[in-house]
Amino acid sequence: MRIGDEREFFMPNITFSLDEETIRKVRKIALEKDTTLTALVRDFLSSVAKRDEQKKKTALKKFKASFKTLSRDMGSRKWTRESLYER
């Protein structure tokens, strides 16, 4: 996160382990992109969360569409609950 970004003060920290070689490579990539390793990790995790959210929205949209496709008009209801249980 760049200096002056207000979100910096409200975000909780997390700690994780990563091998030194990977850290070195990612820091180099971050430097080339004029950002930080932390910002790259944050952006990556945010994109994972957004993709998951989008997958759920897409699945729900398909599910709702299936009702339109598969539903059939059953006509008017000519029965009552009580009549179904009459003996």
PDB file of N, CA and C in Angstrom:
ATOM      1  N   MET A   1       0.847  -1.167   0.000  1.00  0.00           N
ATOM      2  CA  MET A   1       0.000   0.000   0.000  1.00  0.00           C
ATOM      3  C   MET A   1       0.897   1.237   0.000  1.00  0.00           C
ATOM      4  N   ARG A   2       0.540   2.195  -0.764  1.00  0.00           N
ATOM      5  CA  ARG A   2       1.352   3.402  -0.851  1.00  0.00           C
ATOM      6  C   ARG A   2       1.055   4.326   0.324  1.00  0.00           C
ATOM      7  N   ILE A   3       2.031   5.141   0.667  1.00  0.00           N
ATOM      8  CA  ILE A   3       1.880   6.104   1.758  1.00  0.00           C
ATOM      9  C   ILE A   3       0.714   7.030   1.446  1.00  0.00           C
ATOM     10  N   GLY A   4      -0.090   7.295   2.466  1.00  0.00           N
ATOM     11  CA  GLY A   4      -1.223   8.182   2.287  1.00  0.00           C
ATOM     12  C   GLY A   4      -2.526   7.451   2.029  1.00  0.00           C
ATOM     13  N   ASP A   5      -2.471   6.155   1.818  1.00  0.00           N
ATOM     14  CA  ASP A   5      -3.680   5.378   1.619  1.00  0.00           C
ATOM     15  C   ASP A   5      -4.341   5.177   2.978  1.00  0.00           C
ATOM     16  N   GLU A   6      -5.548   5.720   3.153  1.00  0.00           N
ATOM     17  CA  GLU A   6      -6.224   5.695   4.444  1.00  0.00           C
ATOM     18  C   GLU A   6      -6.544   4.286   4.914  1.00  0.00           C
ATOM     19  N   ARG A   7      -6.714   3.333   4.000  1.00  0.00           N
ATOM     20  CA  ARG A   7      -7.051   1.961   4.395  1.00  0.00           C
ATOM     21  C   ARG A   7      -5.933   1.331   5.206  1.00  0.00           C
ATOM     22  N   GLU A   8      -4.735   1.801   5.044  1.00  0.00           N
ATOM     23  CA  GLU A   8      -3.574   1.225   5.725  1.00  0.00           C
ATOM     24  C   GLU A   8      -3.774   1.181   7.234  1.00  0.00           C
ATOM     25  N   PHE A   9      -4.462   2.140   7.790  1.00  0.00           N
ATOM     26  CA  PHE A   9      -4.602   2.238   9.228  1.00  0.00           C
ATOM     27  C   PHE A   9      -5.744   1.401   9.777  1.00  0.00           C
ATOM     28  N   PHE A  10      -6.593   0.865   8.938  1.00  0.00           N
ATOM     29  CA  PHE A  10      -7.763   0.135   9.390  1.00  0.00           C
ATOM     30  C   PHE A  10      -7.713  -1.351   9.056  1.00  0.00           C
ATOM     31  N   MET A  11      -6.662  -1.816   8.418  1.00  0.00           N
ATOM     32  CA  MET A  11      -6.581  -3.210   8.007  1.00  0.00           C
ATOM     33  C   MET A  11      -5.819  -4.032   9.033  1.00  0.00           C
ATOM     34  N   PRO A  12      -6.366  -5.197   9.390  1.00  0.00           N
ATOM     35  CA  PRO A  12      -5.632  -6.076  10.295  1.00  0.00           C
ATOM     36  C   PRO A  12      -4.448  -6.709   9.562  1.00  0.00           C
ATOM     37  N   ASN A  13      -3.443  -7.095  10.309  1.00  0.00           N
ATOM     38  CA  ASN A  13      -2.278  -7.758   9.730  1.00  0.00           C
ATOM     39  C   ASN A  13      -2.434  -9.261   9.812  1.00  0.00           C
ATOM     40  N   ILE A  14      -1.811  -9.962   8.873  1.00  0.00           N
ATOM     41  CA  ILE A  14      -1.722 -11.417   8.934  1.00  0.00           C
ATOM     42  C   ILE A  14      -0.253 -11.793   8.800  1.00  0.00           C
ATOM     43  N   THR A  15       0.086 -12.946   9.297  1.00  0.00           N
ATOM     44  CA  THR A  15       1.457 -13.435   9.208  1.00  0.00           C
ATOM     45  C   THR A  15       1.432 -14.807   8.554  1.00  0.00           C
ATOM     46  N   PHE A  16       2.336 -15.039   7.621  1.00  0.00           N
ATOM     47  CA  PHE A  16       2.457 -16.352   7.007  1.00  0.00           C
ATOM     48  C   PHE A  16       3.908 -16.591   6.641  1.00  0.00           C
ATOM     49  N   SER A  17       4.232 -17.839   6.385  1.00  0.00           N
ATOM     50  CA  SER A  17       5.611 -18.212   6.052  1.00  0.00           C
ATOM     51  C   SER A  17       5.733 -18.479   4.559  1.00  0.00           C
ATOM     52  N   LEU A  18       6.885 -18.101   4.026  1.00  0.00           N
ATOM     53  CA  LEU A  18       7.165 -18.296   2.614  1.00  0.00           C
ATOM     54  C   LEU A  18       8.673 -18.445   2.470  1.00  0.00           C
ATOM     55  N   ASP A  19       9.086 -19.298   1.558  1.00  0.00           N
ATOM     56  CA  ASP A  19      10.532 -19.510   1.410  1.00  0.00           C
ATOM     57  C   ASP A  19      11.211 -18.252   0.876  1.00  0.00           C
ATOM     58  N   GLU A  20      12.487 -18.097   1.220  1.00  0.00           N
ATOM     59  CA  GLU A  20      13.242 -16.885   0.876  1.00  0.00           C
ATOM     60  C   GLU A  20      13.358 -16.649  -0.622  1.00  0.00           C
ATOM     61  N   GLU A  21      13.505 -17.714  -1.382  1.00  0.00           N
ATOM     62  CA  GLU A  21      13.636 -17.579  -2.836  1.00  0.00           C
ATOM     63  C   GLU A  21      12.373 -16.959  -3.440  1.00  0.00           C
ATOM     64  N   THR A  22      11.218 -17.424  -3.005  1.00  0.00           N
ATOM     65  CA  THR A  22       9.955 -16.882  -3.507  1.00  0.00           C
ATOM     66  C   THR A  22       9.804 -15.423  -3.098  1.00  0.00           C
ATOM     67  N   ILE A  23      10.147 -15.117  -1.858  1.00  0.00           N
ATOM     68  CA  ILE A  23      10.069 -13.734  -1.387  1.00  0.00           C
ATOM     69  C   ILE A  23      10.968 -12.836  -2.232  1.00  0.00           C
ATOM     70  N   ARG A  24      12.171 -13.295  -2.508  1.00  0.00           N
ATOM     71  CA  ARG A  24      13.117 -12.514  -3.311  1.00  0.00           C
ATOM     72  C   ARG A  24      12.548 -12.248  -4.707  1.00  0.00           C
ATOM     73  N   LYS A  25      11.984 -13.299  -5.332  1.00  0.00           N
ATOM     74  CA  LYS A  25      11.428 -13.153  -6.678  1.00  0.00           C
ATOM     75  C   LYS A  25      10.229 -12.198  -6.692  1.00  0.00           C
ATOM     76  N   VAL A  26       9.364 -12.335  -5.699  1.00  0.00           N
ATOM     77  CA  VAL A  26       8.165 -11.495  -5.663  1.00  0.00           C
ATOM     78  C   VAL A  26       8.529 -10.045  -5.346  1.00  0.00           C
ATOM     79  N   ARG A  27       9.512  -9.838  -4.494  1.00  0.00           N
ATOM     80  CA  ARG A  27       9.953  -8.461  -4.222  1.00  0.00           C
ATOM     81  C   ARG A  27      10.493  -7.809  -5.489  1.00  0.00           C
ATOM     82  N   LYS A  28      11.202  -8.584  -6.289  1.00  0.00           N
ATOM     83  CA  LYS A  28      11.734  -8.066  -7.554  1.00  0.00           C
ATOM     84  C   LYS A  28      10.574  -7.689  -8.489  1.00  0.00           C
ATOM     85  N   ILE A  29       9.575  -8.547  -8.563  1.00  0.00           N
ATOM     86  CA  ILE A  29       8.398  -8.261  -9.388  1.00  0.00           C
ATOM     87  C   ILE A  29       7.698  -7.004  -8.876  1.00  0.00           C
ATOM     88  N   ALA A  30       7.556  -6.904  -7.564  1.00  0.00           N
ATOM     89  CA  ALA A  30       6.898  -5.731  -6.961  1.00  0.00           C
ATOM     90  C   ALA A  30       7.654  -4.457  -7.309  1.00  0.00           C
ATOM     91  N   LEU A  31       8.988  -4.514  -7.220  1.00  0.00           N
ATOM     92  CA  LEU A  31       9.812  -3.352  -7.546  1.00  0.00           C
ATOM     93  C   LEU A  31       9.598  -2.940  -9.002  1.00  0.00           C
ATOM     94  N   GLU A  32       9.546  -3.921  -9.896  1.00  0.00           N
ATOM     95  CA  GLU A  32       9.326  -3.639 -11.312  1.00  0.00           C
ATOM     96  C   GLU A  32       7.947  -3.018 -11.563  1.00  0.00           C
ATOM     97  N   LYS A  33       6.985  -3.342 -10.705  1.00  0.00           N
ATOM     98  CA  LYS A  33       5.619  -2.821 -10.849  1.00  0.00           C
ATOM     99  C   LYS A  33       5.384  -1.592  -9.979  1.00  0.00           C
ATOM    100  N   ASP A  34       6.456  -1.100  -9.362  1.00  0.00           N
ATOM    101  CA  ASP A  34       6.382   0.084  -8.513  1.00  0.00           C
ATOM    102  C   ASP A  34       5.355  -0.093  -7.389  1.00  0.00           C
ATOM    103  N   THR A  35       5.451  -1.231  -6.712  1.00  0.00           N
ATOM    104  CA  THR A  35       4.557  -1.529  -5.596  1.00  0.00           C
ATOM    105  C   THR A  35       5.345  -2.316  -4.548  1.00  0.00           C
ATOM    106  N   THR A  36       4.651  -2.940  -3.624  1.00  0.00           N
ATOM    107  CA  THR A  36       5.319  -3.712  -2.566  1.00  0.00           C
ATOM    108  C   THR A  36       4.850  -5.150  -2.596  1.00  0.00           C
ATOM    109  N   LEU A  37       5.608  -5.997  -1.938  1.00  0.00           N
ATOM    110  CA  LEU A  37       5.232  -7.395  -1.795  1.00  0.00           C
ATOM    111  C   LEU A  37       3.877  -7.475  -1.089  1.00  0.00           C
ATOM    112  N   THR A  38       3.691  -6.682  -0.055  1.00  0.00           N
ATOM    113  CA  THR A  38       2.431  -6.664   0.690  1.00  0.00           C
ATOM    114  C   THR A  38       1.261  -6.301  -0.215  1.00  0.00           C
ATOM    115  N   ALA A  39       1.447  -5.293  -1.053  1.00  0.00           N
ATOM    116  CA  ALA A  39       0.381  -4.873  -1.964  1.00  0.00           C
ATOM    117  C   ALA A  39       0.064  -5.972  -2.977  1.00  0.00           C
ATOM    118  N   LEU A  40       1.090  -6.660  -3.464  1.00  0.00           N
ATOM    119  CA  LEU A  40       0.850  -7.763  -4.401  1.00  0.00           C
ATOM    120  C   LEU A  40       0.046  -8.872  -3.740  1.00  0.00           C
ATOM    121  N   VAL A  41       0.419  -9.223  -2.507  1.00  0.00           N
ATOM    122  CA  VAL A  41      -0.308 -10.269  -1.783  1.00  0.00           C
ATOM    123  C   VAL A  41      -1.744  -9.816  -1.534  1.00  0.00           C
ATOM    124  N   ARG A  42      -1.928  -8.584  -1.104  1.00  0.00           N
ATOM    125  CA  ARG A  42      -3.266  -8.048  -0.843  1.00  0.00           C
ATOM    126  C   ARG A  42      -4.113  -8.091  -2.116  1.00  0.00           C
ATOM    127  N   ASP A  43      -3.538  -7.641  -3.230  1.00  0.00           N
ATOM    128  CA  ASP A  43      -4.274  -7.648  -4.498  1.00  0.00           C
ATOM    129  C   ASP A  43      -4.645  -9.065  -4.921  1.00  0.00           C
ATOM    130  N   PHE A  44      -3.708  -9.990  -4.742  1.00  0.00           N
ATOM    131  CA  PHE A  44      -3.982 -11.377  -5.105  1.00  0.00           C
ATOM    132  C   PHE A  44      -5.115 -11.943  -4.266  1.00  0.00           C
ATOM    133  N   LEU A  45      -5.044 -11.770  -2.946  1.00  0.00           N
ATOM    134  CA  LEU A  45      -6.085 -12.308  -2.071  1.00  0.00           C
ATOM    135  C   LEU A  45      -7.438 -11.646  -2.339  1.00  0.00           C
ATOM    136  N   SER A  46      -7.417 -10.363  -2.649  1.00  0.00           N
ATOM    137  CA  SER A  46      -8.665  -9.672  -3.001  1.00  0.00           C
ATOM    138  C   SER A  46      -9.262 -10.250  -4.276  1.00  0.00           C
ATOM    139  N   SER A  47      -8.404 -10.544  -5.253  1.00  0.00           N
ATOM    140  CA  SER A  47      -8.908 -11.109  -6.514  1.00  0.00           C
ATOM    141  C   SER A  47      -9.474 -12.511  -6.300  1.00  0.00           C
ATOM    142  N   VAL A  48      -8.869 -13.288  -5.405  1.00  0.00           N
ATOM    143  CA  VAL A  48      -9.400 -14.620  -5.084  1.00  0.00           C
ATOM    144  C   VAL A  48     -10.794 -14.477  -4.477  1.00  0.00           C
ATOM    145  N   ALA A  49     -10.960 -13.555  -3.545  1.00  0.00           N
ATOM    146  CA  ALA A  49     -12.254 -13.338  -2.901  1.00  0.00           C
ATOM    147  C   ALA A  49     -13.299 -12.879  -3.917  1.00  0.00           C
ATOM    148  N   LYS A  50     -12.923 -11.983  -4.825  1.00  0.00           N
ATOM    149  CA  LYS A  50     -13.861 -11.487  -5.833  1.00  0.00           C
ATOM    150  C   LYS A  50     -14.270 -12.594  -6.799  1.00  0.00           C
ATOM    151  N   ARG A  51     -13.299 -13.420  -7.200  1.00  0.00           N
ATOM    152  CA  ARG A  51     -13.617 -14.533  -8.110  1.00  0.00           C
ATOM    153  C   ARG A  51     -14.615 -15.477  -7.458  1.00  0.00           C
ATOM    154  N   ASP A  52     -14.395 -15.781  -6.167  1.00  0.00           N
ATOM    155  CA  ASP A  52     -15.299 -16.678  -5.453  1.00  0.00           C
ATOM    156  C   ASP A  52     -16.697 -16.078  -5.387  1.00  0.00           C
ATOM    157  N   GLU A  53     -16.766 -14.790  -5.102  1.00  0.00           N
ATOM    158  CA  GLU A  53     -18.049 -14.097  -5.036  1.00  0.00           C
ATOM    159  C   GLU A  53     -18.739 -14.129  -6.394  1.00  0.00           C
ATOM    160  N   GLN A  54     -17.976 -13.902  -7.450  1.00  0.00           N
ATOM    161  CA  GLN A  54     -18.536 -13.912  -8.800  1.00  0.00           C
ATOM    162  C   GLN A  54     -19.020 -15.308  -9.172  1.00  0.00           C
ATOM    163  N   LYS A  55     -18.288 -16.347  -8.781  1.00  0.00           N
ATOM    164  CA  LYS A  55     -18.717 -17.722  -9.063  1.00  0.00           C
ATOM    165  C   LYS A  55     -20.059 -17.999  -8.408  1.00  0.00           C
ATOM    166  N   LYS A  56     -20.213 -17.546  -7.167  1.00  0.00           N
ATOM    167  CA  LYS A  56     -21.478 -17.767  -6.457  1.00  0.00           C
ATOM    168  C   LYS A  56     -22.616 -17.023  -7.131  1.00  0.00           C
ATOM    169  N   LYS A  57     -22.372 -15.788  -7.558  1.00  0.00           N
ATOM    170  CA  LYS A  57     -23.405 -15.014  -8.244  1.00  0.00           C
ATOM    171  C   LYS A  57     -23.799 -15.680  -9.555  1.00  0.00           C
ATOM    172  N   THR A  58     -22.809 -16.177 -10.294  1.00  0.00           N
ATOM    173  CA  THR A  58     -23.080 -16.839 -11.564  1.00  0.00           C
ATOM    174  C   THR A  58     -23.882 -18.117 -11.340  1.00  0.00           C
ATOM    175  N   ALA A  59     -23.510 -18.887 -10.322  1.00  0.00           N
ATOM    176  CA  ALA A  59     -24.230 -20.126 -10.018  1.00  0.00           C
ATOM    177  C   ALA A  59     -25.677 -19.832  -9.646  1.00  0.00           C
ATOM    178  N   LEU A  60     -25.895 -18.802  -8.849  1.00  0.00           N
ATOM    179  CA  LEU A  60     -27.247 -18.431  -8.450  1.00  0.00           C
ATOM    180  C   LEU A  60     -28.063 -17.976  -9.659  1.00  0.00           C
ATOM    181  N   LYS A  61     -27.430 -17.216 -10.538  1.00  0.00           N
ATOM    182  CA  LYS A  61     -28.116 -16.743 -11.750  1.00  0.00           C
ATOM    183  C   LYS A  61     -28.535 -17.932 -12.621  1.00  0.00           C
ATOM    184  N   LYS A  62     -27.639 -18.918 -12.777  1.00  0.00           N
ATOM    185  CA  LYS A  62     -27.960 -20.112 -13.566  1.00  0.00           C
ATOM    186  C   LYS A  62     -29.071 -20.921 -12.902  1.00  0.00           C
ATOM    187  N   PHE A  63     -29.026 -21.015 -11.588  1.00  0.00           N
ATOM    188  CA  PHE A  63     -30.042 -21.742 -10.837  1.00  0.00           C
ATOM    189  C   PHE A  63     -31.412 -21.104 -11.045  1.00  0.00           C
ATOM    190  N   LYS A  64     -31.480 -19.781 -10.936  1.00  0.00           N
ATOM    191  CA  LYS A  64     -32.743 -19.075 -11.135  1.00  0.00           C
ATOM    192  C   LYS A  64     -33.225 -19.224 -12.577  1.00  0.00           C
ATOM    193  N   ALA A  65     -32.299 -19.191 -13.524  1.00  0.00           N
ATOM    194  CA  ALA A  65     -32.662 -19.347 -14.935  1.00  0.00           C
ATOM    195  C   ALA A  65     -33.227 -20.740 -15.198  1.00  0.00           C
ATOM    196  N   SER A  66     -32.734 -21.734 -14.473  1.00  0.00           N
ATOM    197  CA  SER A  66     -33.236 -23.092 -14.667  1.00  0.00           C
ATOM    198  C   SER A  66     -34.711 -23.197 -14.284  1.00  0.00           C
ATOM    199  N   PHE A  67     -35.148 -22.410 -13.315  1.00  0.00           N
ATOM    200  CA  PHE A  67     -36.566 -22.412 -12.962  1.00  0.00           C
ATOM    201  C   PHE A  67     -37.407 -21.903 -14.121  1.00  0.00           C
ATOM    202  N   LYS A  68     -36.936 -20.879 -14.795  1.00  0.00           N
ATOM    203  CA  LYS A  68     -37.671 -20.345 -15.940  1.00  0.00           C
ATOM    204  C   LYS A  68     -37.722 -21.369 -17.067  1.00  0.00           C
ATOM    205  N   THR A  69     -36.628 -22.057 -17.273  1.00  0.00           N
ATOM    206  CA  THR A  69     -36.532 -23.023 -18.363  1.00  0.00           C
ATOM    207  C   THR A  69     -37.314 -24.302 -18.073  1.00  0.00           C
ATOM    208  N   LEU A  70     -37.222 -24.786 -16.856  1.00  0.00           N
ATOM    209  CA  LEU A  70     -37.781 -26.093 -16.522  1.00  0.00           C
ATOM    210  C   LEU A  70     -39.177 -26.049 -15.911  1.00  0.00           C
ATOM    211  N   SER A  71     -39.626 -24.885 -15.480  1.00  0.00           N
ATOM    212  CA  SER A  71     -40.951 -24.787 -14.851  1.00  0.00           C
ATOM    213  C   SER A  71     -42.044 -24.959 -15.895  1.00  0.00           C
ATOM    214  N   ARG A  72     -43.122 -25.572 -15.473  1.00  0.00           N
ATOM    215  CA  ARG A  72     -44.275 -25.780 -16.352  1.00  0.00           C
ATOM    216  C   ARG A  72     -45.520 -25.237 -15.677  1.00  0.00           C
ATOM    217  N   ASP A  73     -46.440 -24.751 -16.470  1.00  0.00           N
ATOM    218  CA  ASP A  73     -47.705 -24.272 -15.940  1.00  0.00           C
ATOM    219  C   ASP A  73     -48.537 -25.477 -15.525  1.00  0.00           C
ATOM    220  N   MET A  74     -48.893 -25.533 -14.276  1.00  0.00           N
ATOM    221  CA  MET A  74     -49.649 -26.663 -13.746  1.00  0.00           C
ATOM    222  C   MET A  74     -51.149 -26.367 -13.735  1.00  0.00           C
ATOM    223  N   GLY A  75     -51.537 -25.225 -14.241  1.00  0.00           N
ATOM    224  CA  GLY A  75     -52.945 -24.855 -14.231  1.00  0.00           C
ATOM    225  C   GLY A  75     -53.340 -24.331 -12.866  1.00  0.00           C
ATOM    226  N   SER A  76     -54.617 -24.023 -12.736  1.00  0.00           N
ATOM    227  CA  SER A  76     -55.068 -23.493 -11.447  1.00  0.00           C
ATOM    228  C   SER A  76     -55.181 -24.626 -10.431  1.00  0.00           C
ATOM    229  N   ARG A  77     -55.021 -24.287  -9.201  1.00  0.00           N
ATOM    230  CA  ARG A  77     -55.096 -25.282  -8.127  1.00  0.00           C
ATOM    231  C   ARG A  77     -56.567 -25.510  -7.790  1.00  0.00           C
ATOM    232  N   LYS A  78     -56.998 -26.738  -7.920  1.00  0.00           N
ATOM    233  CA  LYS A  78     -58.397 -27.064  -7.679  1.00  0.00           C
ATOM    234  C   LYS A  78     -58.553 -27.927  -6.437  1.00  0.00           C
ATOM    235  N   TRP A  79     -57.561 -27.934  -5.623  1.00  0.00           N
ATOM    236  CA  TRP A  79     -57.602 -28.754  -4.409  1.00  0.00           C
ATOM    237  C   TRP A  79     -57.245 -27.906  -3.210  1.00  0.00           C
ATOM    238  N   THR A  80     -57.607 -28.403  -2.069  1.00  0.00           N
ATOM    239  CA  THR A  80     -57.221 -27.760  -0.818  1.00  0.00           C
ATOM    240  C   THR A  80     -56.387 -28.736  -0.025  1.00  0.00           C
ATOM    241  N   ARG A  81     -55.674 -28.242   0.898  1.00  0.00           N
ATOM    242  CA  ARG A  81     -54.852 -29.113   1.729  1.00  0.00           C
ATOM    243  C   ARG A  81     -55.721 -30.145   2.454  1.00  0.00           C
ATOM    244  N   GLU A  82     -56.849 -29.686   2.935  1.00  0.00           N
ATOM    245  CA  GLU A  82     -57.748 -30.582   3.663  1.00  0.00           C
ATOM    246  C   GLU A  82     -58.250 -31.719   2.769  1.00  0.00           C
ATOM    247  N   SER A  83     -58.557 -31.379   1.516  1.00  0.00           N
ATOM    248  CA  SER A  83     -59.095 -32.419   0.621  1.00  0.00           C
ATOM    249  C   SER A  83     -58.051 -33.485   0.315  1.00  0.00           C
ATOM    250  N   LEU A  84     -56.797 -33.130   0.358  1.00  0.00           N
ATOM    251  CA  LEU A  84     -55.745 -34.116   0.110  1.00  0.00           C
ATOM    252  C   LEU A  84     -55.666 -35.148   1.234  1.00  0.00           C
ATOM    253  N   TYR A  85     -56.082 -34.758   2.414  1.00  0.00           N
ATOM    254  CA  TYR A  85     -55.968 -35.643   3.581  1.00  0.00           C
ATOM    255  C   TYR A  85     -57.293 -36.300   3.952  1.00  0.00           C
ATOM    256  N   GLU A  86     -58.356 -36.063   3.142  1.00  0.00           N
ATOM    257  CA  GLU A  86     -59.635 -36.710   3.408  1.00  0.00           C
ATOM    258  C   GLU A  86     -59.494 -38.203   3.164  1.00  0.00           C
ATOM    259  N   ARG A  87     -60.195 -38.994   3.990  1.00  0.00           N
ATOM    260  CA  ARG A  87     -60.122 -40.454   3.833  1.00  0.00           C
ATOM    261  C   ARG A  87     -61.433 -41.004   3.398  1.00  0.00           C
TER     262      ARG A  87
END
